[in-house]
Amino acid sequence: MKTFKIVALQIYADKKAINIPLNDGLIINKENEDGVWIIEAFIEKQYMEHFQKRYENQEAFEIRVVITHAANDPAPFTVKVHTIQVLGDYISVLFEGRLSKRRNEYPEILLDDLIKEGFSGEQLLEEFRKRMKKDRK
């Protein structure tokens, strides 16, 4: 097994990326024949309801994690919530899932969101560059 630190977490709902601020997190490649990864995110308790619903429904969904360095591209995963643990003002959400193959989807989703927000021309390009850098931090 290999373990890495995660520095950013995004969930996808209705083809829209939602940044979830991390207090801490890690990802473990179980290196098994099923290609299973374990991801633990230590986040603020305000996100409890969102993850609780997904846990109760055992719903698979898409997330992106940035591993090790903020400059790395987000890695896409299809996951289910395995457990949620309350720790004071925070929760520890344990995900289990597999690496998705759609690695280049993020820029397309971001661009689509920006166009829907009314950006065009030079402003679109500037905002796209700004958010691509921001989402990697």
N, C-alpha and C. Protein backbone atom coordinates (compact mmCIF):
# COMPACT_ATOMS: atom_id res chain seq x y z
N MET A 1 0.84 -1.19 0.00
CA MET A 1 0.00 0.00 0.00
C MET A 1 0.88 1.25 0.00
N LYS A 2 0.38 2.28 -0.67
CA LYS A 2 1.08 3.57 -0.71
C LYS A 2 0.14 4.64 -0.16
N THR A 3 0.68 5.53 0.65
CA THR A 3 -0.10 6.60 1.27
C THR A 3 0.46 7.95 0.84
N PHE A 4 -0.47 8.88 0.54
CA PHE A 4 -0.10 10.22 0.12
C PHE A 4 -0.97 11.24 0.85
N LYS A 5 -0.46 12.44 1.00
CA LYS A 5 -1.24 13.53 1.57
C LYS A 5 -2.10 14.13 0.46
N ILE A 6 -3.33 14.53 0.81
CA ILE A 6 -4.14 15.27 -0.15
C ILE A 6 -4.21 16.72 0.31
N VAL A 7 -4.16 17.63 -0.66
CA VAL A 7 -4.13 19.05 -0.34
C VAL A 7 -5.38 19.79 -0.81
N ALA A 8 -6.24 19.13 -1.58
CA ALA A 8 -7.49 19.75 -2.03
C ALA A 8 -8.51 18.67 -2.34
N LEU A 9 -9.78 19.01 -2.12
CA LEU A 9 -10.89 18.09 -2.37
C LEU A 9 -12.02 18.85 -3.05
N GLN A 10 -12.55 18.26 -4.10
CA GLN A 10 -13.72 18.80 -4.78
C GLN A 10 -14.72 17.67 -4.96
N ILE A 11 -16.00 18.02 -4.80
CA ILE A 11 -17.04 17.06 -5.13
C ILE A 11 -17.80 17.62 -6.33
N TYR A 12 -18.42 16.73 -7.07
CA TYR A 12 -19.16 17.13 -8.25
C TYR A 12 -20.62 16.81 -8.06
N ALA A 13 -21.44 17.85 -8.26
CA ALA A 13 -22.89 17.70 -8.18
C ALA A 13 -23.47 18.47 -9.36
N ASP A 14 -24.32 17.85 -10.11
CA ASP A 14 -24.94 18.48 -11.28
C ASP A 14 -23.90 19.09 -12.21
N LYS A 15 -22.83 18.35 -12.45
CA LYS A 15 -21.73 18.77 -13.34
C LYS A 15 -21.09 20.08 -12.90
N LYS A 16 -21.10 20.33 -11.60
CA LYS A 16 -20.49 21.54 -11.05
C LYS A 16 -19.53 21.15 -9.94
N ALA A 17 -18.33 21.73 -9.96
CA ALA A 17 -17.32 21.44 -8.94
C ALA A 17 -17.58 22.28 -7.70
N ILE A 18 -17.52 21.63 -6.54
CA ILE A 18 -17.67 22.32 -5.26
C ILE A 18 -16.41 22.05 -4.45
N ASN A 19 -15.68 23.11 -4.13
CA ASN A 19 -14.48 22.97 -3.31
C ASN A 19 -14.86 22.73 -1.87
N ILE A 20 -14.29 21.72 -1.26
CA ILE A 20 -14.50 21.42 0.16
C ILE A 20 -13.19 21.73 0.87
N PRO A 21 -13.17 22.78 1.71
CA PRO A 21 -11.92 23.13 2.40
C PRO A 21 -11.46 21.99 3.32
N LEU A 22 -10.22 21.60 3.15
CA LEU A 22 -9.63 20.52 3.94
C LEU A 22 -8.86 21.07 5.13
N ASN A 23 -9.04 20.45 6.28
CA ASN A 23 -8.14 20.72 7.39
C ASN A 23 -6.94 19.78 7.26
N ASP A 24 -7.21 18.56 6.81
CA ASP A 24 -6.16 17.58 6.57
C ASP A 24 -6.76 16.44 5.75
N GLY A 25 -5.92 15.63 5.17
CA GLY A 25 -6.43 14.50 4.42
C GLY A 25 -5.32 13.61 3.91
N LEU A 26 -5.70 12.37 3.62
CA LEU A 26 -4.75 11.43 3.05
C LEU A 26 -5.47 10.47 2.13
N ILE A 27 -4.67 9.84 1.28
CA ILE A 27 -5.20 8.88 0.33
C ILE A 27 -4.30 7.66 0.33
N ILE A 28 -4.91 6.50 0.29
CA ILE A 28 -4.16 5.24 0.32
C ILE A 28 -4.52 4.42 -0.91
N ASN A 29 -3.51 4.06 -1.67
CA ASN A 29 -3.68 3.14 -2.78
C ASN A 29 -3.49 1.74 -2.21
N LYS A 30 -4.58 0.98 -2.13
CA LYS A 30 -4.49 -0.36 -1.55
C LYS A 30 -3.69 -1.33 -2.42
N GLU A 31 -3.46 -0.92 -3.67
CA GLU A 31 -2.70 -1.74 -4.61
C GLU A 31 -3.22 -3.17 -4.70
N ASN A 32 -4.54 -3.28 -4.69
CA ASN A 32 -5.15 -4.61 -4.84
C ASN A 32 -5.67 -4.79 -6.27
N GLU A 33 -6.10 -5.98 -6.58
CA GLU A 33 -6.54 -6.28 -7.95
C GLU A 33 -7.80 -5.51 -8.35
N ASP A 34 -8.56 -5.02 -7.35
CA ASP A 34 -9.78 -4.26 -7.65
C ASP A 34 -9.50 -2.77 -7.89
N GLY A 35 -8.27 -2.32 -7.63
CA GLY A 35 -7.92 -0.92 -7.83
C GLY A 35 -8.57 0.03 -6.84
N VAL A 36 -8.77 -0.43 -5.61
CA VAL A 36 -9.47 0.36 -4.60
C VAL A 36 -8.52 1.33 -3.90
N TRP A 37 -9.03 2.54 -3.70
CA TRP A 37 -8.33 3.59 -2.97
C TRP A 37 -9.18 3.97 -1.76
N ILE A 38 -8.52 4.34 -0.68
CA ILE A 38 -9.18 4.86 0.52
C ILE A 38 -8.76 6.32 0.65
N ILE A 39 -9.74 7.20 0.85
CA ILE A 39 -9.47 8.63 0.98
C ILE A 39 -10.09 9.10 2.29
N GLU A 40 -9.31 9.77 3.12
CA GLU A 40 -9.84 10.35 4.35
C GLU A 40 -9.71 11.85 4.28
N ALA A 41 -10.83 12.54 4.50
CA ALA A 41 -10.85 14.00 4.50
C ALA A 41 -11.30 14.48 5.87
N PHE A 42 -10.50 15.34 6.47
CA PHE A 42 -10.80 15.94 7.76
C PHE A 42 -11.29 17.35 7.47
N ILE A 43 -12.62 17.55 7.60
CA ILE A 43 -13.25 18.80 7.15
C ILE A 43 -14.17 19.36 8.22
N GLU A 44 -14.63 20.59 8.00
CA GLU A 44 -15.52 21.24 8.94
C GLU A 44 -16.86 20.52 9.02
N LYS A 45 -17.43 20.55 10.21
CA LYS A 45 -18.68 19.84 10.51
C LYS A 45 -19.86 20.34 9.67
N GLN A 46 -19.78 21.55 9.15
CA GLN A 46 -20.88 22.10 8.35
C GLN A 46 -21.22 21.26 7.12
N TYR A 47 -20.32 20.39 6.70
CA TYR A 47 -20.54 19.54 5.53
C TYR A 47 -21.16 18.18 5.89
N MET A 48 -21.46 17.99 7.16
CA MET A 48 -21.98 16.71 7.66
C MET A 48 -23.23 16.25 6.90
N GLU A 49 -24.20 17.14 6.77
CA GLU A 49 -25.48 16.76 6.15
C GLU A 49 -25.28 16.26 4.72
N HIS A 50 -24.44 16.95 3.97
CA HIS A 50 -24.20 16.56 2.58
C HIS A 50 -23.64 15.14 2.49
N PHE A 51 -22.63 14.86 3.30
CA PHE A 51 -22.01 13.54 3.24
C PHE A 51 -22.86 12.48 3.92
N GLN A 52 -23.65 12.86 4.91
CA GLN A 52 -24.54 11.91 5.59
C GLN A 52 -25.57 11.35 4.61
N LYS A 53 -26.13 12.22 3.77
CA LYS A 53 -27.12 11.77 2.77
C LYS A 53 -26.50 10.75 1.81
N ARG A 54 -25.30 11.05 1.37
CA ARG A 54 -24.63 10.13 0.44
C ARG A 54 -24.28 8.81 1.13
N TYR A 55 -23.94 8.89 2.41
CA TYR A 55 -23.63 7.68 3.18
C TYR A 55 -24.88 6.81 3.32
N GLU A 56 -26.00 7.43 3.71
CA GLU A 56 -27.24 6.69 3.91
C GLU A 56 -27.73 6.04 2.62
N ASN A 57 -27.56 6.72 1.50
CA ASN A 57 -28.00 6.19 0.21
C ASN A 57 -26.97 5.28 -0.45
N GLN A 58 -25.78 5.20 0.12
CA GLN A 58 -24.66 4.46 -0.48
C GLN A 58 -24.53 4.80 -1.96
N GLU A 59 -24.61 6.10 -2.21
CA GLU A 59 -24.58 6.65 -3.55
C GLU A 59 -23.14 6.85 -4.03
N ALA A 60 -22.82 6.34 -5.20
CA ALA A 60 -21.51 6.59 -5.81
C ALA A 60 -21.53 7.98 -6.44
N PHE A 61 -20.43 8.71 -6.28
CA PHE A 61 -20.34 10.05 -6.85
C PHE A 61 -18.89 10.38 -7.17
N GLU A 62 -18.72 11.47 -7.90
CA GLU A 62 -17.40 11.87 -8.38
C GLU A 62 -16.77 12.89 -7.45
N ILE A 63 -15.49 12.69 -7.16
CA ILE A 63 -14.69 13.68 -6.45
C ILE A 63 -13.38 13.85 -7.20
N ARG A 64 -12.69 14.92 -6.88
CA ARG A 64 -11.34 15.15 -7.38
C ARG A 64 -10.48 15.48 -6.18
N VAL A 65 -9.30 14.91 -6.12
CA VAL A 65 -8.36 15.23 -5.05
C VAL A 65 -7.03 15.64 -5.67
N VAL A 66 -6.42 16.63 -5.05
CA VAL A 66 -5.07 17.02 -5.44
C VAL A 66 -4.14 16.36 -4.45
N ILE A 67 -3.23 15.56 -4.97
CA ILE A 67 -2.34 14.75 -4.14
C ILE A 67 -0.96 15.40 -4.02
N THR A 68 -0.48 15.50 -2.80
CA THR A 68 0.87 15.91 -2.43
C THR A 68 1.17 17.40 -2.60
N HIS A 69 1.05 17.94 -3.81
CA HIS A 69 1.40 19.34 -4.08
C HIS A 69 0.23 20.05 -4.75
N ALA A 70 0.00 21.31 -4.36
CA ALA A 70 -1.11 22.08 -4.93
C ALA A 70 -0.98 22.25 -6.44
N ALA A 71 0.22 22.18 -6.98
CA ALA A 71 0.43 22.35 -8.42
C ALA A 71 0.04 21.12 -9.23
N ASN A 72 -0.19 19.98 -8.59
CA ASN A 72 -0.58 18.76 -9.31
C ASN A 72 -2.00 18.87 -9.83
N ASP A 73 -2.28 18.18 -10.93
CA ASP A 73 -3.64 18.13 -11.47
C ASP A 73 -4.52 17.33 -10.52
N PRO A 74 -5.81 17.71 -10.43
CA PRO A 74 -6.73 16.91 -9.60
C PRO A 74 -6.89 15.51 -10.18
N ALA A 75 -6.89 14.52 -9.31
CA ALA A 75 -7.11 13.12 -9.72
C ALA A 75 -8.58 12.78 -9.51
N PRO A 76 -9.25 12.26 -10.54
CA PRO A 76 -10.68 11.95 -10.44
C PRO A 76 -10.93 10.56 -9.84
N PHE A 77 -11.91 10.49 -8.95
CA PHE A 77 -12.29 9.23 -8.32
C PHE A 77 -13.81 9.10 -8.32
N THR A 78 -14.29 7.88 -8.46
CA THR A 78 -15.69 7.55 -8.21
C THR A 78 -15.70 6.84 -6.87
N VAL A 79 -16.44 7.40 -5.90
CA VAL A 79 -16.36 6.92 -4.52
C VAL A 79 -17.74 6.75 -3.89
N LYS A 80 -17.74 6.08 -2.75
CA LYS A 80 -18.88 6.03 -1.83
C LYS A 80 -18.34 6.41 -0.46
N VAL A 81 -19.22 7.01 0.36
CA VAL A 81 -18.82 7.33 1.72
C VAL A 81 -18.85 6.03 2.52
N HIS A 82 -17.73 5.68 3.12
CA HIS A 82 -17.61 4.45 3.90
C HIS A 82 -17.99 4.69 5.36
N THR A 83 -17.46 5.75 5.97
CA THR A 83 -17.81 6.11 7.35
C THR A 83 -17.67 7.62 7.53
N ILE A 84 -18.38 8.12 8.54
CA ILE A 84 -18.26 9.52 8.96
C ILE A 84 -18.06 9.51 10.47
N GLN A 85 -17.03 10.19 10.92
CA GLN A 85 -16.72 10.25 12.36
C GLN A 85 -16.71 11.72 12.78
N VAL A 86 -17.47 12.06 13.83
CA VAL A 86 -17.47 13.42 14.36
C VAL A 86 -16.31 13.56 15.33
N LEU A 87 -15.52 14.62 15.12
CA LEU A 87 -14.36 14.89 15.96
C LEU A 87 -14.38 16.37 16.34
N GLY A 88 -15.11 16.71 17.40
CA GLY A 88 -15.22 18.11 17.81
C GLY A 88 -15.97 18.92 16.78
N ASP A 89 -15.35 20.00 16.29
CA ASP A 89 -15.96 20.87 15.28
C ASP A 89 -15.74 20.36 13.86
N TYR A 90 -15.15 19.19 13.73
CA TYR A 90 -14.81 18.64 12.43
C TYR A 90 -15.42 17.25 12.25
N ILE A 91 -15.38 16.79 11.01
CA ILE A 91 -15.75 15.41 10.72
C ILE A 91 -14.63 14.78 9.90
N SER A 92 -14.48 13.49 10.09
CA SER A 92 -13.57 12.70 9.27
C SER A 92 -14.46 11.87 8.35
N VAL A 93 -14.33 12.10 7.06
CA VAL A 93 -15.12 11.36 6.07
C VAL A 93 -14.18 10.39 5.38
N LEU A 94 -14.52 9.11 5.45
CA LEU A 94 -13.72 8.07 4.82
C LEU A 94 -14.45 7.62 3.55
N PHE A 95 -13.78 7.79 2.42
CA PHE A 95 -14.32 7.39 1.13
C PHE A 95 -13.60 6.13 0.67
N GLU A 96 -14.32 5.33 -0.12
CA GLU A 96 -13.69 4.18 -0.77
C GLU A 96 -14.11 4.22 -2.22
N GLY A 97 -13.16 4.06 -3.13
CA GLY A 97 -13.52 4.12 -4.53
C GLY A 97 -12.37 3.78 -5.46
N ARG A 98 -12.60 4.11 -6.72
CA ARG A 98 -11.62 3.80 -7.76
C ARG A 98 -11.28 5.05 -8.56
N LEU A 99 -10.08 5.06 -9.08
CA LEU A 99 -9.63 6.14 -9.94
C LEU A 99 -10.47 6.14 -11.21
N SER A 100 -11.00 7.30 -11.58
CA SER A 100 -11.78 7.43 -12.81
C SER A 100 -10.83 7.66 -13.98
N LYS A 101 -11.32 7.40 -15.15
CA LYS A 101 -10.48 7.56 -16.34
C LYS A 101 -10.61 8.95 -16.97
N ARG A 102 -11.59 9.72 -16.56
CA ARG A 102 -11.85 11.01 -17.19
C ARG A 102 -10.99 12.11 -16.59
N ARG A 103 -9.74 12.08 -16.82
CA ARG A 103 -8.78 12.99 -16.20
C ARG A 103 -8.89 14.43 -16.72
N ASN A 104 -9.26 14.62 -17.97
CA ASN A 104 -9.28 15.96 -18.55
C ASN A 104 -10.65 16.63 -18.46
N GLU A 105 -11.56 16.08 -17.72
CA GLU A 105 -12.90 16.62 -17.63
C GLU A 105 -12.96 17.93 -16.83
N TYR A 106 -12.09 18.11 -15.85
CA TYR A 106 -12.17 19.27 -14.97
C TYR A 106 -12.12 20.60 -15.72
N PRO A 107 -11.15 20.83 -16.60
CA PRO A 107 -11.13 22.12 -17.30
C PRO A 107 -12.41 22.38 -18.10
N GLU A 108 -12.99 21.33 -18.67
CA GLU A 108 -14.23 21.49 -19.42
C GLU A 108 -15.37 21.91 -18.51
N ILE A 109 -15.45 21.31 -17.33
CA ILE A 109 -16.50 21.67 -16.37
C ILE A 109 -16.33 23.11 -15.91
N LEU A 110 -15.09 23.48 -15.59
CA LEU A 110 -14.81 24.85 -15.16
C LEU A 110 -15.18 25.84 -16.25
N LEU A 111 -14.79 25.57 -17.48
CA LEU A 111 -15.09 26.46 -18.59
C LEU A 111 -16.60 26.60 -18.79
N ASP A 112 -17.31 25.50 -18.71
CA ASP A 112 -18.77 25.52 -18.83
C ASP A 112 -19.39 26.37 -17.72
N ASP A 113 -18.90 26.21 -16.48
CA ASP A 113 -19.41 27.01 -15.35
C ASP A 113 -19.17 28.50 -15.58
N LEU A 114 -17.99 28.85 -16.06
CA LEU A 114 -17.65 30.26 -16.29
C LEU A 114 -18.54 30.88 -17.37
N ILE A 115 -18.80 30.14 -18.42
CA ILE A 115 -19.68 30.63 -19.49
C ILE A 115 -21.09 30.84 -18.94
N LYS A 116 -21.56 29.89 -18.13
CA LYS A 116 -22.89 30.03 -17.52
C LYS A 116 -22.95 31.23 -16.57
N GLU A 117 -21.80 31.58 -15.97
CA GLU A 117 -21.73 32.75 -15.09
C GLU A 117 -21.64 34.05 -15.87
N GLY A 118 -21.57 33.97 -17.19
CA GLY A 118 -21.59 35.16 -18.02
C GLY A 118 -20.24 35.67 -18.49
N PHE A 119 -19.19 34.94 -18.24
CA PHE A 119 -17.87 35.36 -18.70
C PHE A 119 -17.72 35.09 -20.19
N SER A 120 -17.00 36.00 -20.88
CA SER A 120 -16.69 35.79 -22.29
C SER A 120 -15.43 36.57 -22.64
N GLY A 121 -14.88 36.26 -23.80
CA GLY A 121 -13.71 36.97 -24.29
C GLY A 121 -12.53 36.92 -23.34
N GLU A 122 -11.86 38.06 -23.23
CA GLU A 122 -10.65 38.16 -22.40
C GLU A 122 -10.96 37.91 -20.93
N GLN A 123 -12.13 38.35 -20.45
CA GLN A 123 -12.52 38.10 -19.05
C GLN A 123 -12.64 36.61 -18.78
N LEU A 124 -13.18 35.88 -19.74
CA LEU A 124 -13.30 34.42 -19.60
C LEU A 124 -11.92 33.79 -19.45
N LEU A 125 -11.00 34.18 -20.29
CA LEU A 125 -9.64 33.63 -20.23
C LEU A 125 -8.97 33.96 -18.90
N GLU A 126 -9.08 35.21 -18.45
CA GLU A 126 -8.47 35.63 -17.18
C GLU A 126 -9.07 34.86 -16.00
N GLU A 127 -10.39 34.75 -15.98
CA GLU A 127 -11.06 34.05 -14.86
C GLU A 127 -10.74 32.56 -14.89
N PHE A 128 -10.67 31.98 -16.08
CA PHE A 128 -10.31 30.57 -16.21
C PHE A 128 -8.91 30.32 -15.63
N ARG A 129 -7.95 31.13 -16.01
CA ARG A 129 -6.58 30.99 -15.49
C ARG A 129 -6.55 31.17 -13.98
N LYS A 130 -7.27 32.17 -13.49
CA LYS A 130 -7.31 32.45 -12.05
C LYS A 130 -7.87 31.26 -11.27
N ARG A 131 -8.98 30.71 -11.73
CA ARG A 131 -9.61 29.59 -11.01
C ARG A 131 -8.82 28.29 -11.16
N MET A 132 -8.18 28.09 -12.28
CA MET A 132 -7.34 26.89 -12.43
C MET A 132 -6.21 26.93 -11.40
N LYS A 133 -5.62 28.10 -11.20
CA LYS A 133 -4.55 28.23 -10.19
C LYS A 133 -5.12 28.10 -8.79
N LYS A 134 -6.27 28.75 -8.54
CA LYS A 134 -6.89 28.71 -7.21
C LYS A 134 -7.28 27.30 -6.82
N ASP A 135 -7.87 26.56 -7.74
CA ASP A 135 -8.35 25.21 -7.44
C ASP A 135 -7.21 24.24 -7.20
N ARG A 136 -6.00 24.62 -7.53
CA ARG A 136 -4.84 23.75 -7.29
C ARG A 136 -4.18 24.07 -5.96
N LYS A 137 -4.63 25.12 -5.27
CA LYS A 137 -4.02 25.49 -3.98
C LYS A 137 -4.70 24.80 -2.85
